C-alpha atoms as a PDB file:
ATOM      1  CA  MET A   1       0.000   0.000   0.000  1.00  0.00           C
ATOM      2  CA  ALA A   2       1.365   3.450  -0.907  1.00  0.00           C
ATOM      3  CA  LEU A   3       1.962   5.855   1.955  1.00  0.00           C
ATOM      4  CA  ALA A   4       0.028   9.120   2.025  1.00  0.00           C
ATOM      5  CA  SER A   5       3.339  10.904   1.499  1.00  0.00           C
ATOM      6  CA  GLU A   6       4.073   9.226  -1.855  1.00  0.00           C
ATOM      7  CA  PRO A   7       2.575  12.047  -4.025  1.00  0.00           C
ATOM      8  CA  GLN A   8       4.713  14.540  -2.105  1.00  0.00           C
ATOM      9  CA  LYS A   9       7.839  12.473  -2.716  1.00  0.00           C
ATOM     10  CA  GLU A  10       7.091  12.437  -6.427  1.00  0.00           C
ATOM     11  CA  ALA A  11       6.719  16.228  -6.344  1.00  0.00           C
ATOM     12  CA  VAL A  12      10.135  16.469  -4.648  1.00  0.00           C
ATOM     13  CA  ARG A  13      11.713  14.200  -7.281  1.00  0.00           C
ATOM     14  CA  GLN A  14      10.236  16.259 -10.110  1.00  0.00           C
ATOM     15  CA  GLU A  15      11.174  19.644  -8.656  1.00  0.00           C
ATOM     16  CA  PHE A  16      14.703  18.761  -7.594  1.00  0.00           C
ATOM     17  CA  THR A  17      15.428  16.992 -10.860  1.00  0.00           C
ATOM     18  CA  LYS A  18      14.452  20.245 -12.564  1.00  0.00           C
ATOM     19  CA  GLN A  19      16.148  22.488  -9.999  1.00  0.00           C
ATOM     20  CA  ALA A  20      19.309  20.451  -9.318  1.00  0.00           C
ATOM     21  CA  THR A  21      21.846  22.706 -11.031  1.00  0.00           C
ATOM     22  CA  ALA A  22      20.260  26.005  -9.973  1.00  0.00           C
ATOM     23  CA  TYR A  23      19.761  24.812  -6.404  1.00  0.00           C
ATOM     24  CA  ALA A  24      23.415  23.755  -6.132  1.00  0.00           C
ATOM     25  CA  ALA A  25      24.423  27.262  -7.245  1.00  0.00           C
ATOM     26  CA  SER A  26      22.104  29.067  -4.815  1.00  0.00           C
ATOM     27  CA  PRO A  27      24.128  31.379  -2.531  1.00  0.00           C
ATOM     28  CA  THR A  28      21.873  30.533   0.410  1.00  0.00           C
ATOM     29  CA  VAL A  29      22.546  26.809  -0.003  1.00  0.00           C
ATOM     30  CA  ALA A  30      26.206  26.994  -1.014  1.00  0.00           C
ATOM     31  CA  ASP A  31      27.371  29.611   1.528  1.00  0.00           C
ATOM     32  CA  PRO A  32      30.370  27.973   3.296  1.00  0.00           C
ATOM     33  CA  GLU A  33      29.930  30.176   6.367  1.00  0.00           C
ATOM     34  CA  ARG A  34      26.442  28.787   6.915  1.00  0.00           C
ATOM     35  CA  VAL A  35      27.751  25.237   6.529  1.00  0.00           C
ATOM     36  CA  GLU A  36      30.465  25.973   9.095  1.00  0.00           C
ATOM     37  CA  ARG A  37      27.852  27.426  11.424  1.00  0.00           C
ATOM     38  CA  LEU A  38      25.917  24.157  11.405  1.00  0.00           C
ATOM     39  CA  ILE A  39      29.069  22.095  11.917  1.00  0.00           C
ATOM     40  CA  ALA A  40      30.094  24.312  14.837  1.00  0.00           C
ATOM     41  CA  ALA A  41      26.650  23.896  16.449  1.00  0.00           C
ATOM     42  CA  VAL A  42      26.962  20.101  16.192  1.00  0.00           C
ATOM     43  CA  ASN A  43      30.640  20.115  17.272  1.00  0.00           C
ATOM     44  CA  PRO A  44      31.404  16.538  16.117  1.00  0.00           C
ATOM     45  CA  SER A  45      34.403  14.540  17.271  1.00  0.00           C
ATOM     46  CA  ALA A  46      37.116  13.763  14.716  1.00  0.00           C
ATOM     47  CA  GLY A  47      36.234  10.070  14.935  1.00  0.00           C
ATOM     48  CA  ALA A  48      32.510  10.556  14.310  1.00  0.00           C
ATOM     49  CA  ARG A  49      30.512   8.688  11.691  1.00  0.00           C
ATOM     50  CA  VAL A  50      27.986  11.128  10.188  1.00  0.00           C
ATOM     51  CA  LEU A  51      24.801  10.765   8.127  1.00  0.00           C
ATOM     52  CA  GLU A  52      23.305  13.714   6.257  1.00  0.00           C
ATOM     53  CA  MET A  53      19.697  13.087   5.277  1.00  0.00           C
ATOM     54  CA  ALA A  54      18.384  14.922   2.182  1.00  0.00           C
ATOM     55  CA  THR A  55      21.914  15.974   1.276  1.00  0.00           C
ATOM     56  CA  GLY A  56      20.993  17.659  -2.037  1.00  0.00           C
ATOM     57  CA  PRO A  57      24.166  19.273  -3.409  1.00  0.00           C
ATOM     58  CA  GLY A  58      26.161  17.766  -0.546  1.00  0.00           C
ATOM     59  CA  TYR A  59      27.783  20.889   0.894  1.00  0.00           C
ATOM     60  CA  VAL A  60      27.005  19.907   4.479  1.00  0.00           C
ATOM     61  CA  ALA A  61      28.204  16.333   3.960  1.00  0.00           C
ATOM     62  CA  MET A  62      31.441  17.599   2.433  1.00  0.00           C
ATOM     63  CA  GLY A  63      31.910  20.040   5.301  1.00  0.00           C
ATOM     64  CA  PHE A  64      31.563  17.251   7.847  1.00  0.00           C
ATOM     65  CA  ALA A  65      33.870  15.012   5.789  1.00  0.00           C
ATOM     66  CA  ALA A  66      36.644  17.560   6.283  1.00  0.00           C
ATOM     67  CA  VAL A  67      36.499  17.209  10.083  1.00  0.00           C
ATOM     68  CA  THR A  68      35.200  13.682  10.808  1.00  0.00           C
ATOM     69  CA  ARG A  69      36.109  10.067  10.086  1.00  0.00           C
ATOM     70  CA  GLU A  70      33.303   9.046   7.739  1.00  0.00           C
ATOM     71  CA  VAL A  71      30.211  10.654   6.175  1.00  0.00           C
ATOM     72  CA  VAL A  72      27.260   9.236   4.237  1.00  0.00           C
ATOM     73  CA  GLY A  73      24.911  11.566   2.363  1.00  0.00           C
ATOM     74  CA  VAL A  74      21.504  10.324   1.212  1.00  0.00           C
ATOM     75  CA  ASP A  75      18.815  11.928  -0.917  1.00  0.00           C
ATOM     76  CA  LEU A  76      15.521  10.893  -2.500  1.00  0.00           C
ATOM     77  CA  THR A  77      16.446  12.373  -5.899  1.00  0.00           C
ATOM     78  CA  ALA A  78      19.214  11.109  -8.163  1.00  0.00           C
ATOM     79  CA  ALA A  79      19.878  14.331 -10.127  1.00  0.00           C
ATOM     80  CA  PRO A  80      21.502  16.360  -7.320  1.00  0.00           C
ATOM     81  CA  LEU A  81      23.507  13.316  -6.238  1.00  0.00           C
ATOM     82  CA  ALA A  82      25.100  13.105  -9.690  1.00  0.00           C
ATOM     83  CA  ILE A  83      26.320  16.704  -9.296  1.00  0.00           C
ATOM     84  CA  THR A  84      27.429  16.027  -5.746  1.00  0.00           C
ATOM     85  CA  GLU A  85      29.383  12.898  -6.635  1.00  0.00           C
ATOM     86  CA  LYS A  86      31.365  14.815  -9.257  1.00  0.00           C
ATOM     87  CA  THR A  87      32.232  17.481  -6.674  1.00  0.00           C
ATOM     88  CA  ARG A  88      33.263  14.783  -4.199  1.00  0.00           C
ATOM     89  CA  GLN A  89      35.612  13.243  -6.761  1.00  0.00           C
ATOM     90  CA  ASP A  90      37.053  16.640  -7.686  1.00  0.00           C
ATOM     91  CA  ARG A  91      37.802  17.315  -4.016  1.00  0.00           C
ATOM     92  CA  GLY A  92      39.234  13.842  -3.431  1.00  0.00           C
ATOM     93  CA  LEU A  93      37.056  13.087  -0.402  1.00  0.00           C
ATOM     94  CA  ALA A  94      37.598   9.367   0.118  1.00  0.00           C
ATOM     95  CA  ASN A  95      35.744   9.276   3.471  1.00  0.00           C
ATOM     96  CA  LEU A  96      32.439  10.370   1.909  1.00  0.00           C
ATOM     97  CA  ARG A  97      29.846   8.478  -0.123  1.00  0.00           C
ATOM     98  CA  PHE A  98      26.378   9.250  -1.448  1.00  0.00           C
ATOM     99  CA  GLU A  99      23.335   7.096  -2.162  1.00  0.00           C
ATOM    100  CA  THR A 100      19.637   7.454  -2.901  1.00  0.00           C
ATOM    101  CA  ALA A 101      17.362   6.804   0.056  1.00  0.00           C
ATOM    102  CA  ASP A 102      13.911   7.664   1.359  1.00  0.00           C
ATOM    103  CA  ALA A 103      13.861   9.771   4.551  1.00  0.00           C
ATOM    104  CA  ASP A 104      10.859   7.754   5.769  1.00  0.00           C
ATOM    105  CA  ARG A 105      12.725   4.434   5.407  1.00  0.00           C
ATOM    106  CA  LEU A 106      16.452   4.914   5.835  1.00  0.00           C
ATOM    107  CA  PRO A 107      18.375   1.812   4.661  1.00  0.00           C
ATOM    108  CA  PHE A 108      20.450   1.451   7.833  1.00  0.00           C
ATOM    109  CA  PRO A 109      20.141  -0.590  11.027  1.00  0.00           C
ATOM    110  CA  ASP A 110      19.496   1.020  14.398  1.00  0.00           C
ATOM    111  CA  GLY A 111      22.274   3.231  15.714  1.00  0.00           C
ATOM    112  CA  PRO A 112      25.302   3.075  13.375  1.00  0.00           C
ATOM    113  CA  PHE A 113      25.853   6.874  13.260  1.00  0.00           C
ATOM    114  CA  ASP A 114      27.273   9.227  15.874  1.00  0.00           C
ATOM    115  CA  VAL A 115      25.741  12.292  14.192  1.00  0.00           C
ATOM    116  CA  VAL A 116      22.652  12.579  11.969  1.00  0.00           C
ATOM    117  CA  VAL A 117      21.880  15.939  10.362  1.00  0.00           C
ATOM    118  CA  SER A 118      19.448  17.453   7.882  1.00  0.00           C
ATOM    119  CA  ARG A 119      19.582  20.973   6.461  1.00  0.00           C
ATOM    120  CA  LEU A 120      16.861  22.938   4.639  1.00  0.00           C
ATOM    121  CA  ALA A 121      14.807  19.815   3.946  1.00  0.00           C
ATOM    122  CA  PHE A 122      12.051  19.478   6.541  1.00  0.00           C
ATOM    123  CA  HIS A 123       9.802  21.982   4.761  1.00  0.00           C
ATOM    124  CA  HIS A 124       9.629  19.434   1.909  1.00  0.00           C
ATOM    125  CA  PHE A 125       8.487  16.479   4.050  1.00  0.00           C
ATOM    126  CA  ALA A 126       4.851  15.374   4.145  1.00  0.00           C
ATOM    127  CA  GLU A 127       5.501  13.609   7.460  1.00  0.00           C
ATOM    128  CA  PRO A 128       8.317  15.447   9.266  1.00  0.00           C
ATOM    129  CA  ALA A 129       7.800  13.516  12.498  1.00  0.00           C
ATOM    130  CA  ARG A 130       8.352  10.251  10.651  1.00  0.00           C
ATOM    131  CA  ALA A 131      11.569  11.573   9.090  1.00  0.00           C
ATOM    132  CA  LEU A 132      12.801  12.799  12.473  1.00  0.00           C
ATOM    133  CA  ALA A 133      12.014   9.420  14.034  1.00  0.00           C
ATOM    134  CA  GLU A 134      14.141   7.745  11.349  1.00  0.00           C
ATOM    135  CA  MET A 135      17.006  10.153  12.029  1.00  0.00           C
ATOM    136  CA  ALA A 136      16.821   9.308  15.729  1.00  0.00           C
ATOM    137  CA  ARG A 137      16.588   5.570  15.032  1.00  0.00           C
ATOM    138  CA  VAL A 138      19.837   5.411  13.072  1.00  0.00           C
ATOM    139  CA  CYS A 139      21.679   7.578  15.606  1.00  0.00           C
ATOM    140  CA  ARG A 140      23.467   5.786  18.436  1.00  0.00           C
ATOM    141  CA  ALA A 141      22.482   6.330  22.063  1.00  0.00           C
ATOM    142  CA  ASP A 142      24.057   9.548  23.360  1.00  0.00           C
ATOM    143  CA  GLY A 143      24.652  10.635  19.751  1.00  0.00           C
ATOM    144  CA  THR A 144      23.603  13.903  18.105  1.00  0.00           C
ATOM    145  CA  VAL A 145      20.650  14.693  15.840  1.00  0.00           C
ATOM    146  CA  ALA A 146      20.528  18.183  14.289  1.00  0.00           C
ATOM    147  CA  VAL A 147      17.990  19.888  12.037  1.00  0.00           C
ATOM    148  CA  GLU A 148      18.367  23.233  10.287  1.00  0.00           C
ATOM    149  CA  ASP A 149      15.430  24.676   8.412  1.00  0.00           C
ATOM    150  CA  PHE A 150      13.628  27.878   7.566  1.00  0.00           C
ATOM    151  CA  THR A 151      10.965  28.747  10.135  1.00  0.00           C
ATOM    152  CA  ALA A 152       7.526  30.316   9.907  1.00  0.00           C
ATOM    153  CA  SER A 153       5.663  32.620  12.262  1.00  0.00           C
ATOM    154  CA  GLU A 154       4.257  31.322  15.524  1.00  0.00           C
ATOM    155  CA  ASP A 155       0.959  32.911  14.480  1.00  0.00           C
ATOM    156  CA  PRO A 156      -0.996  30.285  12.471  1.00  0.00           C
ATOM    157  CA  ALA A 157      -2.544  32.745  10.000  1.00  0.00           C
ATOM    158  CA  ARG A 158       0.771  34.427   9.259  1.00  0.00           C
ATOM    159  CA  ALA A 159       2.493  31.059   8.957  1.00  0.00           C
ATOM    160  CA  GLU A 160      -0.141  29.867   6.469  1.00  0.00           C
ATOM    161  CA  PHE A 161       0.280  32.984   4.306  1.00  0.00           C
ATOM    162  CA  HIS A 162       4.055  32.400   4.305  1.00  0.00           C
ATOM    163  CA  ASN A 163       3.660  28.748   3.365  1.00  0.00           C
ATOM    164  CA  ARG A 164       1.199  29.594   0.582  1.00  0.00           C
ATOM    165  CA  LEU A 165       3.842  31.874  -0.911  1.00  0.00           C
ATOM    166  CA  GLU A 166       6.386  29.085  -0.727  1.00  0.00           C
ATOM    167  CA  ARG A 167       4.094  26.418  -2.201  1.00  0.00           C
ATOM    168  CA  LEU A 168       3.164  28.611  -5.158  1.00  0.00           C
ATOM    169  CA  ARG A 169       6.835  29.293  -5.834  1.00  0.00           C
ATOM    170  CA  ASP A 170       7.855  25.608  -5.398  1.00  0.00           C
ATOM    171  CA  PRO A 171       5.184  22.845  -5.372  1.00  0.00           C
ATOM    172  CA  SER A 172       7.511  20.524  -3.417  1.00  0.00           C
ATOM    173  CA  HIS A 173       7.226  22.805  -0.365  1.00  0.00           C
ATOM    174  CA  THR A 174       4.905  21.493   2.351  1.00  0.00           C
ATOM    175  CA  SER A 175       5.206  23.674   5.466  1.00  0.00           C
ATOM    176  CA  ALA A 176       7.938  25.608   7.185  1.00  0.00           C
ATOM    177  CA  LEU A 177       7.408  25.048  10.902  1.00  0.00           C
ATOM    178  CA  PRO A 178       7.549  27.656  13.651  1.00  0.00           C
ATOM    179  CA  TRP A 179      10.302  27.438  16.266  1.00  0.00           C
ATOM    180  CA  SER A 180       7.912  25.663  18.637  1.00  0.00           C
ATOM    181  CA  GLY A 181       7.153  23.067  15.955  1.00  0.00           C
ATOM    182  CA  LEU A 182      10.815  22.225  15.379  1.00  0.00           C
ATOM    183  CA  LEU A 183      11.433  21.885  19.111  1.00  0.00           C
ATOM    184  CA  ALA A 184       8.359  19.671  19.490  1.00  0.00           C
ATOM    185  CA  LEU A 185       9.553  17.405  16.666  1.00  0.00           C
ATOM    186  CA  LEU A 186      12.862  16.719  18.399  1.00  0.00           C
ATOM    187  CA  ARG A 187      11.264  16.209  21.791  1.00  0.00           C
ATOM    188  CA  GLY A 188       8.696  13.881  20.219  1.00  0.00           C
ATOM    189  CA  ALA A 189      11.524  11.733  18.849  1.00  0.00           C
ATOM    190  CA  GLY A 190      12.950  11.299  22.347  1.00  0.00           C
ATOM    191  CA  LEU A 191      15.752  13.824  21.933  1.00  0.00           C
ATOM    192  CA  GLU A 192      17.032  16.197  24.592  1.00  0.00           C
ATOM    193  CA  ILE A 193      17.474  19.717  23.203  1.00  0.00           C
ATOM    194  CA  GLU A 194      21.056  20.853  23.688  1.00  0.00           C
ATOM    195  CA  GLU A 195      21.577  23.776  21.306  1.00  0.00           C
ATOM    196  CA  VAL A 196      19.369  26.251  19.465  1.00  0.00           C
ATOM    197  CA  CYS A 197      20.536  28.919  17.018  1.00  0.00           C
ATOM    198  CA  SER A 198      18.624  31.424  14.940  1.00  0.00           C
ATOM    199  CA  GLY A 199      19.495  33.812  12.164  1.00  0.00           C
ATOM    200  CA  ARG A 200      18.226  35.906   9.292  1.00  0.00           C
ATOM    201  CA  ILE A 201      18.918  35.703   5.565  1.00  0.00           C
ATOM    202  CA  THR A 202      17.985  38.564   3.249  1.00  0.00           C
ATOM    203  CA  GLN A 203      16.595  36.759   0.209  1.00  0.00           C
ATOM    204  CA  PRO A 204      16.504  38.458  -3.234  1.00  0.00           C
ATOM    205  CA  VAL A 205      13.127  37.613  -4.753  1.00  0.00           C
ATOM    206  CA  ASP A 206      14.404  37.358  -8.351  1.00  0.00           C
ATOM    207  CA  SER A 207      17.026  34.698  -7.529  1.00  0.00           C
ATOM    208  CA  TRP A 208      14.531  32.906  -5.242  1.00  0.00           C
ATOM    209  CA  PHE A 209      12.238  32.449  -8.261  1.00  0.00           C
ATOM    210  CA  ALA A 210      15.137  31.559 -10.562  1.00  0.00           C
ATOM    211  CA  THR A 211      16.315  28.742  -8.277  1.00  0.00           C
ATOM    212  CA  ALA A 212      12.865  27.110  -8.329  1.00  0.00           C
ATOM    213  CA  GLN A 213      12.254  27.936 -12.002  1.00  0.00           C
ATOM    214  CA  THR A 214       8.775  29.131 -11.038  1.00  0.00           C
ATOM    215  CA  PRO A 215       6.349  29.393 -14.005  1.00  0.00           C
ATOM    216  CA  PRO A 216       5.407  32.988 -14.954  1.00  0.00           C
ATOM    217  CA  ASP A 217       1.754  32.726 -13.844  1.00  0.00           C
ATOM    218  CA  ARG A 218       2.705  31.480 -10.376  1.00  0.00           C
ATOM    219  CA  GLU A 219       5.494  34.045 -10.114  1.00  0.00           C
ATOM    220  CA  ALA A 220       3.031  36.838 -10.853  1.00  0.00           C
ATOM    221  CA  GLU A 221       0.662  35.546  -8.160  1.00  0.00           C
ATOM    222  CA  VAL A 222       3.444  35.356  -5.576  1.00  0.00           C
ATOM    223  CA  ARG A 223       4.705  38.839  -6.438  1.00  0.00           C
ATOM    224  CA  ALA A 224       1.189  40.214  -5.904  1.00  0.00           C
ATOM    225  CA  MET A 225       1.045  38.462  -2.528  1.00  0.00           C
ATOM    226  CA  LEU A 226       4.434  39.890  -1.555  1.00  0.00           C
ATOM    227  CA  GLU A 227       3.222  43.391  -2.394  1.00  0.00           C
ATOM    228  CA  ARG A 228       0.167  42.889  -0.145  1.00  0.00           C
ATOM    229  CA  ASP A 229       2.444  41.416   2.507  1.00  0.00           C
ATOM    230  CA  ALA A 230       4.726  44.477   2.394  1.00  0.00           C
ATOM    231  CA  LEU A 231       1.730  46.694   3.137  1.00  0.00           C
ATOM    232  CA  GLY A 232      -0.004  44.509   5.708  1.00  0.00           C
ATOM    233  CA  ASP A 233       2.748  42.417   7.371  1.00  0.00           C
ATOM    234  CA  LEU A 234       0.784  39.259   6.591  1.00  0.00           C
ATOM    235  CA  SER A 235       3.492  36.574   6.882  1.00  0.00           C
ATOM    236  CA  GLY A 236       6.413  37.768   8.980  1.00  0.00           C
ATOM    237  CA  VAL A 237       8.905  37.567   6.070  1.00  0.00           C
ATOM    238  CA  ARG A 238       8.815  41.392   5.791  1.00  0.00           C
ATOM    239  CA  PRO A 239       9.157  41.993   2.020  1.00  0.00           C
ATOM    240  CA  PHE A 240      10.777  45.281   1.023  1.00  0.00           C
ATOM    241  CA  VAL A 241      12.169  47.088  -2.017  1.00  0.00           C
ATOM    242  CA  ARG A 242      15.766  48.294  -2.204  1.00  0.00           C
ATOM    243  CA  GLU A 243      17.110  50.094  -5.267  1.00  0.00           C
ATOM    244  CA  GLY A 244      14.206  48.778  -7.329  1.00  0.00           C
ATOM    245  CA  GLU A 245      14.667  45.123  -6.296  1.00  0.00           C
ATOM    246  CA  TRP A 246      12.386  43.087  -4.019  1.00  0.00           C
ATOM    247  CA  PHE A 247      13.734  41.180  -0.990  1.00  0.00           C
ATOM    248  CA  PHE A 248      12.323  39.351   2.010  1.00  0.00           C
ATOM    249  CA  THR A 249      13.701  37.726   5.143  1.00  0.00           C
ATOM    250  CA  HIS A 250      14.132  34.008   5.700  1.00  0.00           C
ATOM    251  CA  ARG A 251      14.609  32.964   9.328  1.00  0.00           C
ATOM    252  CA  PRO A 252      16.657  29.760   9.590  1.00  0.00           C
ATOM    253  CA  ALA A 253      16.889  27.845  12.842  1.00  0.00           C
ATOM    254  CA  ILE A 254      19.286  25.132  14.001  1.00  0.00           C
ATOM    255  CA  VAL A 255      18.110  22.734  16.690  1.00  0.00           C
ATOM    256  CA  VAL A 256      20.582  20.173  18.071  1.00  0.00           C
ATOM    257  CA  GLY A 257      19.430  17.263  20.212  1.00  0.00           C
ATOM    258  CA  ARG A 258      21.049  14.386  22.064  1.00  0.00           C
ATOM    259  CA  LYS A 259      19.603  10.892  21.808  1.00  0.00           C
ATOM    260  CA  LEU A 260      19.019   9.713  25.339  1.00  0.00           C
ATOM    261  CA  GLU A 261      19.944   6.204  26.387  1.00  0.00           C
ATOM    262  CA  ARG A 262      16.973   4.112  27.350  1.00  0.00           C
ATOM    263  CA  ARG A 263      16.834   3.536  31.048  1.00  0.00           C
ATOM    264  CA  ARG A 264      16.549   0.013  32.355  1.00  0.00           C
ATOM    265  CA  ASP A 265      14.596  -0.035  35.611  1.00  0.00           C
END
């Protein structure tokens, strides 16, 4: 029987096959300082074995490979992995490998990884709690699970307006969660919250559309929504115009948890 999330996974495959090259070139995704920020929040040991779920262009996996013993990057879509594998070979990273895998059914036994991370992917999952549970399952006891993603407003109406913008721009988007939602996901997976970080990214609207290759009719609809948002503060992303160009604010969050050992009474 197909899972309810299967149509969403097909949407992700279609969009990220189409977007693979543009997404890999996105400054927001490729920024090495942001990769280093995530690695610093996790603070892995040199001997750690790391899994990155939904690796996409592999920048996070390659960053961890530079400071840890072994890294595996998995993704649902083959197209970005082909780009990533070429980059891995060019950089000569022998302690890193990539493979296709479903976040809902990771092809690993319980607990082989010291660190399990995912960056900018949870807003594409139909069942984020299921994906988080899989991340926790393949992490060893007392290991680290970390999620970085864009967040939405804590106000439900503002969050829904934000997510409507995102879904029109990219049909593979499901929902960006508020801070409280990310924290609840980790706690629900039996993780103890150890580190939280927030930030802001000023996002140029033109390049945001170009990365997703948004069709003109949808782009026009989103632009009209952004103009209303700029006047009425409807989403919390605070669109604005600078020197004739539109921008808005993405608010990424990093949440790092520790997998607790099960107590034996």
